Amino acid sequence: MQRVKEGESPEAISDLLGFHQSCIYRWIAQYREGGYEALKKKPAAGREPELNGEKLLAWPGYTDDVFSVLKNLCHFARQQAEQLEQDARMVTKVQL
């Protein structure tokens, strides 16, 4: 915003930062409407992730070793996939 205040064009800022001009104009409008507070990151829309840092730390056998973490995540993903398959089979049986 400082560059805009100093008279630099949104187009030049767009080129400098690598963002589309519409983004720069949207940020300028948000700033004019609510100041820097309006530009702060907002929580993402949608459902909360099922696996967060707290659950990962509570996972039995958790370690901060990267290989072990990836192995545990793969195991978790397989469990989730198996559960989804079971649910899908159950829905199919009920529909028949």
Protein backbone atom coordinates (compact mmCIF):
# COMPACT_ATOMS: atom_id res chain seq x y z
CA MET A 1 0.00 0.00 0.00
CA GLN A 2 2.93 2.28 0.63
CA ARG A 3 3.87 2.23 -3.06
CA VAL A 4 0.31 3.13 -4.06
CA LYS A 5 0.35 6.00 -1.57
CA GLU A 6 3.62 7.17 -3.12
CA GLY A 7 1.96 7.27 -6.54
CA GLU A 8 3.13 4.02 -8.13
CA SER A 9 0.56 2.56 -10.50
CA PRO A 10 -1.28 -0.66 -9.68
CA GLU A 11 -0.08 -2.01 -13.04
CA ALA A 12 3.57 -1.46 -12.09
CA ILE A 13 3.00 -3.08 -8.70
CA SER A 14 1.27 -6.01 -10.42
CA ASP A 15 4.29 -6.53 -12.67
CA LEU A 16 6.70 -6.18 -9.77
CA LEU A 17 4.93 -8.64 -7.47
CA GLY A 18 3.71 -11.06 -10.13
CA PHE A 19 0.04 -10.80 -9.18
CA HIS A 20 -2.80 -10.15 -11.59
CA GLN A 21 -3.90 -6.52 -11.72
CA SER A 22 -7.36 -7.45 -10.45
CA CYS A 23 -5.74 -8.70 -7.21
CA ILE A 24 -3.90 -5.43 -6.73
CA TYR A 25 -7.06 -3.40 -7.34
CA ARG A 26 -9.04 -5.63 -4.95
CA TRP A 27 -6.40 -5.16 -2.23
CA ILE A 28 -6.43 -1.40 -2.76
CA ALA A 29 -10.24 -1.36 -2.44
CA GLN A 30 -10.10 -3.50 0.72
CA TYR A 31 -7.46 -1.21 2.20
CA ARG A 32 -9.50 1.92 1.43
CA GLU A 33 -12.56 0.32 3.00
CA GLY A 34 -10.99 -1.09 6.17
CA GLY A 35 -7.30 -0.21 6.40
CA TYR A 36 -4.59 -2.77 7.02
CA GLU A 37 -6.98 -4.80 9.19
CA ALA A 38 -9.07 -5.56 6.08
CA LEU A 39 -5.99 -7.06 4.37
CA LYS A 40 -5.19 -9.56 7.11
CA LYS A 41 -5.48 -13.23 6.28
CA LYS A 42 -8.91 -14.64 7.00
CA PRO A 43 -9.67 -18.24 7.95
CA ALA A 44 -10.19 -20.50 4.97
CA ALA A 45 -13.73 -21.47 4.16
CA GLY A 46 -14.82 -25.06 4.40
CA ARG A 47 -14.58 -27.91 6.79
CA GLU A 48 -11.80 -28.16 9.35
CA PRO A 49 -9.13 -30.74 8.46
CA GLU A 50 -9.58 -34.06 10.23
CA LEU A 51 -5.86 -34.44 10.85
CA ASN A 52 -4.31 -31.45 12.56
CA GLY A 53 -1.07 -30.97 14.44
CA GLU A 54 -2.66 -31.77 17.80
CA LYS A 55 -4.07 -35.10 16.57
CA LEU A 56 -0.78 -35.97 14.93
CA LEU A 57 1.13 -35.36 18.17
CA ALA A 58 -1.38 -37.55 20.04
CA TRP A 59 -1.02 -40.39 17.52
CA PRO A 60 0.39 -43.54 19.16
CA GLY A 61 3.95 -44.03 18.03
CA TYR A 62 4.32 -40.43 16.84
CA THR A 63 7.86 -39.31 16.19
CA ASP A 64 9.35 -36.22 14.63
CA ASP A 65 11.41 -38.38 12.27
CA VAL A 66 10.27 -37.36 8.77
CA PHE A 67 10.17 -40.91 7.42
CA SER A 68 8.07 -42.10 10.34
CA VAL A 69 5.70 -39.16 10.02
CA LEU A 70 5.16 -39.90 6.32
CA LYS A 71 4.67 -43.58 7.06
CA ASN A 72 2.07 -42.72 9.71
CA LEU A 73 0.28 -40.34 7.36
CA CYS A 74 0.14 -43.01 4.68
CA HIS A 75 -1.24 -45.46 7.22
CA PHE A 76 -3.89 -42.91 8.25
CA ALA A 77 -4.80 -42.27 4.60
CA ARG A 78 -5.18 -46.00 3.96
CA GLN A 79 -7.45 -46.32 6.99
CA GLN A 80 -9.59 -43.44 5.76
CA ALA A 81 -9.78 -44.94 2.25
CA GLU A 82 -10.82 -48.32 3.65
CA GLN A 83 -13.53 -46.67 5.73
CA LEU A 84 -14.81 -44.79 2.68
CA GLU A 85 -14.92 -48.03 0.68
CA GLN A 86 -16.88 -49.74 3.45
CA ASP A 87 -19.31 -46.82 3.60
CA ALA A 88 -19.74 -46.90 -0.18
CA ARG A 89 -20.48 -50.64 -0.12
CA MET A 90 -23.03 -50.10 2.64
CA VAL A 91 -24.78 -47.34 0.67
CA THR A 92 -24.83 -49.56 -2.43
CA LYS A 93 -26.42 -52.43 -0.45
CA VAL A 94 -29.06 -50.12 1.01
CA GLN A 95 -29.94 -48.75 -2.45
CA LEU A 96 -30.40 -52.24 -3.89
